[in-house]
Amino acid sequence: MADMRPTRINALLVGTIVLAPFSAFADGIDLPILAGVSISVAVPLLTFNVLVEGLILARFIHVSFRELWRPMLSANVLSLLAGLPITILNAVLAESLLPAELVARMGMYPTAICIGILNYYLATVLVEFFFLWRKICKEGFPALTKPLAKGLLLGHLVSYGVLGPLFFMYATPKQTVQTFLKDSHWAAQPATRVVFIAPDGQLRTILTDGSQLRTLLTNEVRDFVVSSNLDTLLVRGASNHYFFARNGTMKLVTTKPVKGYGDGMDFSPGGHFVGFFTKDSTLHLWDSQTGIMRKLPQKPYDRFSSFKLAWSTNESTFYLQVDRQTFKVTIETNAYELKSVPTTGSENIIVTPQSEPPTDLANHYGRIGQDRHWGDDNDWETSLGMFGRFDARDTNYSLLKMEGLSSFIRARSKEKFITISDNPGVFHFGRRSFPQAVFAPNLTEIVFDDANHIYLADIAGRKVGLITAGKRFMLLSPLFSKSEHFIE
């Protein structure tokens, strides 16, 4: 029977580690302090544990502390090392148990961390009990199983009473948000309109206070440009074909996939024409009345070149900008129609270089910025960048969005500021990225997303609320205005 006991205890240890949820967020009590601060704290930390737990245990098993401190030190080192596999294993378990949505996740972190502390406490007691039980028996100390267990339980309860709250504060995500709310009805008025892609791919709109949610297009959408009243839409679908919808009527624009971006596509105010300037340096013009597409190859541009296309308030005129050089393009026909023959060429299309920025641009909005590829050529979108235009810093307002291991959002509105991050644990690595973060027009709030949900943050109140589930959003504000972006 004596040979069976270690096997049973090992099995119980493994079972405790595997079944203990959320302990990854505790990362042990000693381990995160050692890793996060300095190895130099190992000696005082272990001294504290050995002293407190050893003195209490000595009273239960009737052994002097002088005889007990060496095995207690070894047991503490062993339990310290046991924190690493618990951390790794339960990180996976926690990811499957905690909700992905930011507000719900933040609401569960305190409970998760407390459960993690409890689980590590139980695992620590079990590891040290197994080690000391064998050590005490070997050296002839009283093999009193129950007193040993009671002494370890009480001793660790006292030490965890000190280290547990310290760990709780250390493991909590580092941010300045004071309140997470399940909705955004508290948004400043007038609320700002948001256009976004819903989880099912449909194009929808909502106000930042969560009201007036409605569907604009039931097709699966990847990218879009819209008019200010949302009655005209130019969208890229899931198949990378482009569609033009006006007053509820939708037409297919491209018979083959075209790689166009929000910067390089637009439509005429009356819905007669649609224009694309694509990455292969080709200008595409489509006539919605005849269904004819004209392709006008331009001189090749470097793949790092920037390009923009924005329509004028005139139905037959738009502007093209390549690497800061602006051209006015006019479709010169009596009926403003594109002819089917020839299929390529510049007949009836006049291109004129412009030295001054245009002042007659239509009021359209799009997902504008630098292009970003998502792993392959089947999907792409615009990127606001790490230090791009939307970081817009001045003496009163700033917005910084960092990506990578230290992902966070930091915004300042005059003397008020807010930092948003989801970075719990030992090294506080960011667990989620924030593809977009932009100021609302009132400059007291920011709208941001995490690729699955869209949120509103009140800077002064340091609170964050969920607007809706969705991604790839834009605001009907100057930040996403094609006219504002074209002449900047």
Protein backbone atom coordinates (compact mmCIF):
# COMPACT_ATOMS: atom_id res chain seq x y z
CA MET A 1 0.00 0.00 0.00
CA ALA A 2 2.89 2.35 0.72
CA ASP A 3 3.98 2.18 -2.92
CA MET A 4 0.53 3.15 -4.15
CA ARG A 5 0.21 6.40 -2.22
CA PRO A 6 2.57 8.54 -4.37
CA THR A 7 0.77 7.35 -7.50
CA ARG A 8 -2.60 8.32 -6.08
CA ILE A 9 -1.34 11.69 -4.95
CA ASN A 10 0.25 12.37 -8.34
CA ALA A 11 -3.02 11.52 -10.05
CA LEU A 12 -4.88 13.86 -7.70
CA LEU A 13 -2.34 16.60 -8.44
CA VAL A 14 -2.78 16.24 -12.19
CA GLY A 15 -6.54 16.20 -11.82
CA THR A 16 -6.50 19.34 -9.73
CA ILE A 17 -4.38 21.20 -12.27
CA VAL A 18 -6.43 20.11 -15.26
CA LEU A 19 -9.80 20.76 -13.68
CA ALA A 20 -8.91 24.10 -12.05
CA PRO A 21 -10.37 26.76 -14.36
CA PHE A 22 -8.96 30.26 -14.70
CA SER A 23 -5.78 29.53 -12.73
CA ALA A 24 -3.83 30.83 -15.72
CA PHE A 25 -4.83 34.29 -14.64
CA ALA A 26 -3.29 33.73 -11.24
CA ASP A 27 -0.03 32.41 -12.73
CA GLY A 28 0.71 31.29 -9.22
CA ILE A 29 1.18 33.81 -6.45
CA ASP A 30 4.96 33.84 -6.35
CA LEU A 31 5.65 33.29 -10.05
CA PRO A 32 4.19 36.53 -11.48
CA ILE A 33 5.80 38.63 -8.79
CA LEU A 34 9.16 37.05 -9.52
CA ALA A 35 8.80 37.34 -13.29
CA GLY A 36 7.22 40.77 -13.33
CA VAL A 37 9.41 42.54 -10.82
CA SER A 38 12.84 40.94 -10.43
CA ILE A 39 14.49 37.70 -9.46
CA SER A 40 15.98 39.66 -6.56
CA VAL A 41 12.68 39.37 -4.72
CA ALA A 42 12.96 35.57 -4.62
CA VAL A 43 14.86 35.49 -1.34
CA PRO A 44 12.56 37.77 0.70
CA LEU A 45 9.48 36.21 -0.87
CA LEU A 46 10.52 32.65 -0.07
CA THR A 47 11.69 33.77 3.36
CA PHE A 48 8.23 35.19 4.05
CA ASN A 49 6.49 32.01 2.90
CA VAL A 50 8.80 29.66 4.78
CA LEU A 51 8.60 31.73 7.96
CA VAL A 52 4.82 32.16 8.05
CA GLU A 53 3.88 28.70 6.80
CA GLY A 54 6.67 26.96 8.70
CA LEU A 55 5.84 28.50 12.07
CA ILE A 56 2.16 27.59 11.71
CA LEU A 57 2.89 24.06 10.47
CA ALA A 58 5.38 23.47 13.29
CA ARG A 59 2.61 23.94 15.86
CA PHE A 60 0.38 21.36 14.15
CA ILE A 61 2.95 18.57 13.72
CA HIS A 62 4.88 19.38 16.94
CA VAL A 63 8.24 19.87 15.25
CA SER A 64 10.61 22.74 15.95
CA PHE A 65 10.94 25.36 13.23
CA ARG A 66 14.71 24.78 13.22
CA GLU A 67 14.13 21.25 11.99
CA LEU A 68 11.33 22.20 9.62
CA TRP A 69 12.60 25.24 7.69
CA ARG A 70 14.84 23.32 5.26
CA PRO A 71 12.13 20.93 4.00
CA MET A 72 9.68 23.85 3.97
CA LEU A 73 12.06 25.82 1.74
CA SER A 74 12.36 22.89 -0.67
CA ALA A 75 8.59 22.45 -0.70
CA ASN A 76 8.06 26.13 -1.51
CA VAL A 77 10.56 26.02 -4.37
CA LEU A 78 8.79 22.95 -5.76
CA SER A 79 5.36 24.57 -5.52
CA LEU A 80 6.77 27.72 -7.14
CA LEU A 81 7.93 25.68 -10.14
CA ALA A 82 4.56 23.91 -10.27
CA GLY A 83 2.97 27.26 -11.09
CA LEU A 84 4.41 27.24 -14.62
CA PRO A 85 2.55 24.20 -16.03
CA ILE A 86 -0.63 25.36 -14.31
CA THR A 87 -0.26 28.73 -16.00
CA ILE A 88 0.29 27.28 -19.47
CA LEU A 89 -2.43 24.68 -19.25
CA ASN A 90 -5.10 26.91 -17.79
CA ALA A 91 -4.41 29.75 -20.21
CA VAL A 92 -5.98 27.52 -22.85
CA LEU A 93 -8.87 26.58 -20.57
CA ALA A 94 -9.55 30.19 -19.64
CA GLU A 95 -9.68 31.29 -23.26
CA SER A 96 -12.44 28.78 -23.87
CA LEU A 97 -14.41 29.82 -20.77
CA LEU A 98 -14.15 33.61 -20.75
CA PRO A 99 -16.38 35.51 -23.22
CA ALA A 100 -14.67 37.11 -26.19
CA GLU A 101 -16.66 40.35 -26.04
CA LEU A 102 -14.69 43.03 -24.15
CA VAL A 103 -17.36 44.34 -21.76
CA ALA A 104 -18.51 40.88 -20.67
CA ARG A 105 -14.91 39.71 -20.38
CA MET A 106 -13.89 42.62 -18.17
CA GLY A 107 -16.87 41.91 -15.93
CA MET A 108 -15.66 38.35 -15.39
CA TYR A 109 -11.99 39.08 -14.81
CA PRO A 110 -12.31 39.72 -11.04
CA THR A 111 -14.13 36.42 -10.55
CA ALA A 112 -11.68 34.61 -12.83
CA ILE A 113 -8.66 35.96 -10.97
CA CYS A 114 -10.15 35.05 -7.57
CA ILE A 115 -10.91 31.53 -8.75
CA GLY A 116 -7.39 31.35 -10.12
CA ILE A 117 -5.96 32.32 -6.74
CA LEU A 118 -8.11 29.68 -5.05
CA ASN A 119 -7.05 27.00 -7.52
CA TYR A 120 -3.39 27.84 -7.16
CA TYR A 121 -3.82 27.78 -3.41
CA LEU A 122 -5.23 24.25 -3.54
CA ALA A 123 -2.57 23.05 -5.97
CA THR A 124 0.20 24.56 -3.81
CA VAL A 125 -1.09 22.87 -0.69
CA LEU A 126 -1.32 19.56 -2.53
CA VAL A 127 2.23 19.76 -3.93
CA GLU A 128 3.75 20.71 -0.59
CA PHE A 129 1.72 18.11 1.27
CA PHE A 130 2.99 15.36 -1.02
CA PHE A 131 6.60 16.54 -0.69
CA LEU A 132 6.55 17.06 3.10
CA TRP A 133 4.64 13.84 3.76
CA ARG A 134 7.43 11.88 2.08
CA LYS A 135 10.17 13.99 3.69
CA ILE A 136 8.78 13.83 7.20
CA CYS A 137 8.35 10.08 7.05
CA LYS A 138 11.87 9.60 5.69
CA GLU A 139 13.49 11.64 8.46
CA GLY A 140 11.46 10.16 11.24
CA PHE A 141 9.20 13.10 12.00
CA PRO A 142 5.68 12.31 13.22
CA ALA A 143 3.75 11.10 10.17
CA LEU A 144 0.52 12.77 11.12
CA THR A 145 -1.42 13.15 7.91
CA LYS A 146 -4.31 15.21 9.22
CA PRO A 147 -2.20 17.67 11.27
CA LEU A 148 0.11 18.09 8.29
CA ALA A 149 -2.82 18.86 5.97
CA LYS A 150 -4.44 21.23 8.47
CA GLY A 151 -1.17 23.05 9.10
CA LEU A 152 -0.52 23.54 5.38
CA LEU A 153 -4.08 24.70 4.72
CA LEU A 154 -3.93 27.28 7.51
CA GLY A 155 -0.35 28.37 6.79
CA HIS A 156 -1.06 29.01 3.13
CA LEU A 157 -4.32 30.72 4.00
CA VAL A 158 -2.35 33.27 6.03
CA SER A 159 0.36 33.78 3.36
CA TYR A 160 -2.24 34.02 0.59
CA GLY A 161 -4.12 36.58 2.67
CA VAL A 162 -1.13 38.85 2.10
CA LEU A 163 0.01 37.81 -1.39
CA GLY A 164 -3.45 37.19 -2.87
CA PRO A 165 -4.59 40.84 -2.91
CA LEU A 166 -1.19 41.89 -4.26
CA PHE A 167 -1.51 39.39 -7.07
CA PHE A 168 -5.10 40.48 -7.80
CA MET A 169 -3.94 44.05 -8.33
CA TYR A 170 -0.96 42.90 -10.39
CA ALA A 171 -2.88 40.53 -12.70
CA THR A 172 -5.77 42.91 -13.43
CA PRO A 173 -5.56 44.53 -16.90
CA LYS A 174 -3.65 47.80 -16.83
CA GLN A 175 -6.05 50.50 -17.98
CA THR A 176 -7.87 53.55 -16.68
CA VAL A 177 -11.44 52.51 -17.55
CA GLN A 178 -13.55 52.71 -14.40
CA THR A 179 -16.86 51.41 -15.74
CA PHE A 180 -17.78 48.89 -18.44
CA LEU A 181 -21.40 49.04 -19.58
CA LYS A 182 -23.50 46.62 -21.63
CA ASP A 183 -24.84 49.38 -23.87
CA SER A 184 -24.09 52.93 -25.00
CA HIS A 185 -27.41 54.70 -24.39
CA TRP A 186 -25.45 57.29 -22.38
CA ALA A 187 -23.67 58.61 -25.51
CA ALA A 188 -23.42 62.38 -25.88
CA GLN A 189 -26.12 63.93 -28.05
CA PRO A 190 -26.48 64.38 -30.93
CA ALA A 191 -25.34 60.80 -31.44
CA THR A 192 -23.12 59.99 -34.43
CA ARG A 193 -24.19 57.61 -37.17
CA VAL A 194 -22.07 54.49 -37.62
CA VAL A 195 -22.05 52.32 -40.75
CA PHE A 196 -20.61 48.85 -40.23
CA ILE A 197 -20.53 45.24 -41.36
CA ALA A 198 -22.60 42.95 -39.11
CA PRO A 199 -21.42 39.46 -38.05
CA ASP A 200 -23.53 37.94 -40.83
CA GLY A 201 -21.86 40.21 -43.40
CA GLN A 202 -24.83 42.54 -43.93
CA LEU A 203 -24.27 46.28 -44.15
CA ARG A 204 -26.01 48.06 -41.28
CA THR A 205 -26.18 51.44 -39.58
CA ILE A 206 -26.69 52.49 -35.98
CA LEU A 207 -26.21 55.58 -33.82
CA THR A 208 -23.49 55.69 -31.19
CA ASP A 209 -26.18 55.59 -28.48
CA GLY A 210 -27.31 52.18 -29.79
CA SER A 211 -30.55 53.42 -31.34
CA GLN A 212 -31.88 53.37 -34.92
CA LEU A 213 -30.29 50.08 -35.90
CA ARG A 214 -31.29 49.13 -39.46
CA THR A 215 -30.02 47.08 -42.37
CA LEU A 216 -28.82 48.90 -45.49
CA LEU A 217 -27.97 45.87 -47.59
CA THR A 218 -28.72 42.18 -46.99
CA ASN A 219 -25.89 40.96 -49.25
CA GLU A 220 -22.62 39.91 -47.65
CA VAL A 221 -20.35 42.99 -47.76
CA ARG A 222 -16.60 43.46 -47.36
CA ASP A 223 -16.07 47.15 -48.13
CA PHE A 224 -18.21 50.17 -49.00
CA VAL A 225 -18.60 53.84 -49.98
CA VAL A 226 -21.89 55.60 -49.19
CA SER A 227 -23.69 58.90 -49.75
CA SER A 228 -24.43 61.15 -46.78
CA ASN A 229 -28.13 60.17 -46.73
CA LEU A 230 -27.27 56.46 -47.21
CA ASP A 231 -29.54 56.08 -50.22
CA THR A 232 -26.60 55.27 -52.53
CA LEU A 233 -24.10 52.50 -51.83
CA LEU A 234 -21.06 51.18 -53.64
CA VAL A 235 -19.97 47.91 -52.03
CA ARG A 236 -17.55 45.04 -52.49
CA GLY A 237 -19.23 41.70 -51.89
CA ALA A 238 -17.91 38.42 -50.48
CA SER A 239 -16.98 37.25 -54.00
CA ASN A 240 -14.93 40.44 -54.57
CA HIS A 241 -17.45 41.65 -57.14
CA TYR A 242 -18.69 45.21 -56.77
CA PHE A 243 -22.34 46.24 -56.58
CA PHE A 244 -24.04 49.60 -56.86
CA ALA A 245 -27.29 50.18 -54.95
CA ARG A 246 -29.42 53.30 -55.23
CA ASN A 247 -32.88 53.81 -53.69
CA GLY A 248 -33.25 50.08 -53.08
CA THR A 249 -32.21 48.96 -56.59
CA MET A 250 -28.92 47.04 -56.82
CA LYS A 251 -26.84 46.37 -59.94
CA LEU A 252 -23.71 44.35 -60.60
CA VAL A 253 -20.81 46.63 -61.52
CA THR A 254 -17.96 44.18 -62.21
CA THR A 255 -18.28 40.84 -63.97
CA LYS A 256 -14.83 39.87 -62.67
CA PRO A 257 -13.24 40.61 -59.27
CA VAL A 258 -11.55 44.01 -59.13
CA LYS A 259 -9.15 45.04 -56.38
CA GLY A 260 -10.53 48.42 -55.40
CA TYR A 261 -10.33 50.28 -52.09
CA GLY A 262 -12.36 52.97 -50.40
CA ASP A 263 -9.75 55.57 -51.37
CA GLY A 264 -9.85 54.64 -55.02
CA MET A 265 -13.56 54.22 -55.72
CA ASP A 266 -16.56 56.55 -55.83
CA PHE A 267 -19.79 57.30 -57.71
CA SER A 268 -21.41 60.34 -59.25
CA PRO A 269 -23.95 62.23 -57.11
CA GLY A 270 -26.87 61.25 -59.34
CA GLY A 271 -25.77 57.62 -59.53
CA HIS A 272 -25.01 57.70 -63.27
CA PHE A 273 -21.33 56.63 -63.06
CA VAL A 274 -19.07 54.54 -60.88
CA GLY A 275 -15.28 54.86 -60.94
CA PHE A 276 -12.42 52.63 -59.70
CA PHE A 277 -8.71 53.24 -59.70
CA THR A 278 -7.16 49.86 -58.92
CA LYS A 279 -3.78 48.62 -57.75
CA ASP A 280 -2.81 47.63 -61.31
CA SER A 281 -2.97 51.33 -62.32
CA THR A 282 -6.18 50.92 -64.30
CA LEU A 283 -9.04 53.40 -64.25
CA HIS A 284 -12.43 51.66 -64.52
CA LEU A 285 -15.54 53.67 -65.42
CA TRP A 286 -18.99 52.08 -65.34
CA ASP A 287 -22.23 53.55 -66.68
CA SER A 288 -25.21 52.51 -64.55
CA GLN A 289 -27.69 53.27 -67.37
CA THR A 290 -26.02 51.24 -70.11
CA GLY A 291 -24.11 48.76 -67.93
CA ILE A 292 -20.96 49.42 -69.99
CA MET A 293 -17.53 49.31 -68.29
CA ARG A 294 -14.61 51.25 -69.76
CA LYS A 295 -11.03 50.45 -68.72
CA LEU A 296 -8.35 53.08 -69.15
CA PRO A 297 -4.85 51.82 -68.33
CA GLN A 298 -2.65 54.49 -66.82
CA LYS A 299 1.12 54.62 -66.58
CA PRO A 300 2.41 52.00 -64.11
CA TYR A 301 2.88 53.20 -60.58
CA ASP A 302 5.03 51.83 -57.81
CA ARG A 303 3.19 49.43 -55.52
CA PHE A 304 3.81 51.84 -52.67
CA SER A 305 2.10 54.68 -54.51
CA SER A 306 -0.97 56.23 -52.93
CA PHE A 307 -4.03 56.98 -55.00
CA LYS A 308 -7.45 58.52 -54.46
CA LEU A 309 -10.59 58.95 -56.51
CA ALA A 310 -13.38 61.32 -55.48
CA TRP A 311 -16.37 62.50 -57.51
CA SER A 312 -17.32 66.10 -58.09
CA THR A 313 -20.74 67.57 -57.47
CA ASN A 314 -20.92 67.55 -61.28
CA GLU A 315 -22.29 64.27 -62.63
CA SER A 316 -19.63 63.97 -65.37
CA THR A 317 -16.53 65.09 -63.45
CA PHE A 318 -14.32 63.42 -60.87
CA TYR A 319 -10.80 63.86 -59.54
CA LEU A 320 -7.92 61.43 -59.41
CA GLN A 321 -4.87 61.83 -57.18
CA VAL A 322 -1.74 59.72 -57.50
CA ASP A 323 1.19 60.42 -55.18
CA ARG A 324 -0.11 63.93 -54.44
CA GLN A 325 -0.52 64.82 -58.12
CA THR A 326 -4.13 65.74 -58.90
CA PHE A 327 -5.99 65.27 -62.19
CA LYS A 328 -9.47 66.39 -63.21
CA VAL A 329 -11.28 63.78 -65.30
CA THR A 330 -14.28 64.79 -67.44
CA ILE A 331 -16.61 62.45 -69.32
CA GLU A 332 -17.36 64.58 -72.41
CA THR A 333 -20.49 63.37 -74.19
CA ASN A 334 -23.83 65.03 -74.72
CA ALA A 335 -25.69 62.34 -72.79
CA TYR A 336 -22.80 61.62 -70.43
CA GLU A 337 -22.73 58.03 -71.67
CA LEU A 338 -19.79 55.69 -72.03
CA LYS A 339 -19.59 54.02 -75.44
CA SER A 340 -19.07 50.29 -75.72
CA VAL A 341 -16.58 50.64 -78.59
CA PRO A 342 -13.69 50.80 -78.01
CA THR A 343 -13.65 48.88 -74.68
CA THR A 344 -10.37 50.57 -73.74
CA GLY A 345 -9.12 54.01 -74.54
CA SER A 346 -9.68 57.63 -73.67
CA GLU A 347 -12.23 58.76 -76.25
CA ASN A 348 -14.55 61.39 -74.81
CA ILE A 349 -12.65 61.29 -71.53
CA ILE A 350 -10.49 64.33 -70.84
CA VAL A 351 -7.78 64.25 -68.17
CA THR A 352 -6.42 67.61 -67.03
CA PRO A 353 -3.65 68.13 -64.42
CA GLN A 354 -4.70 70.36 -61.52
CA SER A 355 -2.40 72.60 -59.50
CA GLU A 356 -5.03 73.60 -56.95
CA PRO A 357 -7.07 71.25 -54.76
CA PRO A 358 -10.69 70.80 -55.93
CA THR A 359 -13.46 72.65 -54.11
CA ASP A 360 -16.49 70.94 -55.65
CA LEU A 361 -16.29 67.41 -54.23
CA ALA A 362 -19.42 65.39 -53.46
CA ASN A 363 -20.28 64.55 -49.84
CA HIS A 364 -19.50 60.83 -49.78
CA TYR A 365 -18.01 58.64 -47.08
CA GLY A 366 -15.83 55.55 -47.26
CA ARG A 367 -13.42 53.31 -45.39
CA ILE A 368 -10.35 55.26 -46.36
CA GLY A 369 -6.70 54.92 -45.46
CA GLN A 370 -3.88 52.57 -46.41
CA ASP A 371 -4.68 49.18 -47.87
CA ARG A 372 -4.27 46.11 -45.67
CA HIS A 373 -4.25 42.52 -46.89
CA TRP A 374 -5.64 39.76 -44.68
CA GLY A 375 -3.39 36.83 -45.54
CA ASP A 376 -4.45 36.35 -49.18
CA ASP A 377 -5.95 38.11 -52.16
CA ASN A 378 -9.50 37.10 -51.32
CA ASP A 379 -10.06 39.77 -48.70
CA TRP A 380 -8.59 43.17 -47.95
CA GLU A 381 -9.56 46.37 -46.23
CA THR A 382 -8.23 49.76 -45.27
CA SER A 383 -5.94 50.26 -42.30
CA LEU A 384 -5.79 53.26 -40.04
CA GLY A 385 -2.20 52.44 -39.19
CA MET A 386 -0.23 52.59 -35.96
CA PHE A 387 0.76 56.24 -36.21
CA GLY A 388 -1.55 57.33 -39.00
CA ARG A 389 -3.90 60.18 -39.70
CA PHE A 390 -6.42 59.05 -37.12
CA ASP A 391 -3.86 59.38 -34.34
CA ALA A 392 -4.31 63.14 -34.91
CA ARG A 393 -2.33 64.77 -32.13
CA ASP A 394 -2.38 68.41 -31.17
CA THR A 395 -2.09 70.38 -27.95
CA ASN A 396 -5.62 69.51 -26.78
CA TYR A 397 -6.51 66.15 -28.32
CA SER A 398 -4.57 62.99 -29.07
CA LEU A 399 -5.41 59.43 -29.99
CA LEU A 400 -2.78 56.69 -30.05
CA LYS A 401 -3.56 53.14 -31.09
CA MET A 402 -0.82 50.54 -30.62
CA GLU A 403 -0.90 47.01 -32.01
CA GLY A 404 1.12 43.89 -31.23
CA LEU A 405 2.07 42.45 -27.85
CA SER A 406 1.42 45.79 -26.14
CA SER A 407 -1.84 46.65 -27.90
CA PHE A 408 -3.79 49.50 -26.32
CA ILE A 409 -5.72 52.68 -27.07
CA ARG A 410 -4.85 55.95 -25.36
CA ALA A 411 -6.97 59.04 -25.93
CA ARG A 412 -6.82 62.55 -24.49
CA SER A 413 -9.43 65.28 -24.70
CA LYS A 414 -8.00 68.45 -23.19
CA GLU A 415 -7.03 67.56 -19.61
CA LYS A 416 -8.96 64.25 -19.55
CA PHE A 417 -7.55 60.94 -20.76
CA ILE A 418 -8.38 57.24 -20.98
CA THR A 419 -6.34 54.08 -21.61
CA ILE A 420 -8.06 50.93 -22.87
CA SER A 421 -6.39 47.52 -22.96
CA ASP A 422 -7.07 43.85 -22.39
CA ASN A 423 -3.73 42.70 -20.97
CA PRO A 424 -4.11 40.59 -17.81
CA GLY A 425 -1.54 38.23 -16.34
CA VAL A 426 2.19 38.17 -15.78
CA PHE A 427 3.70 40.28 -18.53
CA HIS A 428 0.53 42.20 -19.46
CA PHE A 429 0.67 41.31 -23.12
CA GLY A 430 -2.33 42.59 -25.05
CA ARG A 431 -4.84 39.79 -25.69
CA ARG A 432 -6.83 41.66 -28.33
CA SER A 433 -6.04 44.08 -31.11
CA PHE A 434 -8.00 47.20 -31.96
CA PRO A 435 -8.19 47.63 -35.76
CA GLN A 436 -9.82 51.07 -35.51
CA ALA A 437 -10.09 53.85 -32.97
CA VAL A 438 -11.38 57.30 -33.94
CA PHE A 439 -12.73 60.41 -32.27
CA ALA A 440 -16.44 61.08 -32.44
CA PRO A 441 -17.20 64.57 -33.83
CA ASN A 442 -17.72 65.91 -30.28
CA LEU A 443 -14.05 65.07 -29.46
CA THR A 444 -15.11 63.85 -25.99
CA GLU A 445 -15.77 60.25 -27.07
CA ILE A 446 -13.98 57.67 -29.19
CA VAL A 447 -15.43 54.81 -31.21
CA PHE A 448 -13.30 51.68 -31.52
CA ASP A 449 -13.60 48.02 -32.40
CA ASP A 450 -11.86 44.74 -31.68
CA ALA A 451 -12.66 43.14 -35.06
CA ASN A 452 -15.86 41.59 -33.66
CA HIS A 453 -17.63 44.33 -31.70
CA ILE A 454 -17.89 48.12 -31.81
CA TYR A 455 -17.60 50.18 -28.62
CA LEU A 456 -17.99 53.74 -27.38
CA ALA A 457 -15.67 55.27 -24.80
CA ASP A 458 -16.34 58.43 -22.80
CA ILE A 459 -12.92 59.95 -22.11
CA ALA A 460 -13.81 62.20 -19.18
CA GLY A 461 -16.09 59.62 -17.54
CA ARG A 462 -13.59 56.82 -18.22
CA LYS A 463 -16.30 54.42 -19.23
CA VAL A 464 -16.75 52.04 -22.15
CA GLY A 465 -20.00 50.65 -23.51
CA LEU A 466 -20.92 48.19 -26.22
CA ILE A 467 -22.61 49.74 -29.26
CA THR A 468 -23.20 46.59 -31.31
CA ALA A 469 -21.61 43.45 -32.72
CA GLY A 470 -19.81 44.26 -35.96
CA LYS A 471 -16.57 45.27 -37.65
CA ARG A 472 -15.04 47.50 -40.35
CA PHE A 473 -17.02 50.51 -39.24
CA MET A 474 -16.96 54.12 -40.30
CA LEU A 475 -18.62 57.26 -38.98
CA LEU A 476 -20.53 59.84 -40.96
CA SER A 477 -17.98 62.38 -39.84
CA PRO A 478 -15.11 64.33 -41.47
CA LEU A 479 -12.67 61.57 -40.52
CA PHE A 480 -14.23 59.28 -43.15
CA SER A 481 -15.26 61.96 -45.66
CA LYS A 482 -13.80 61.29 -49.10
CA SER A 483 -13.77 65.01 -49.85
CA GLU A 484 -11.96 65.90 -46.61
CA HIS A 485 -9.51 63.06 -47.10
CA PHE A 486 -8.85 63.95 -50.75
CA ILE A 487 -7.69 67.51 -50.14
CA GLU A 488 -5.78 67.03 -46.89
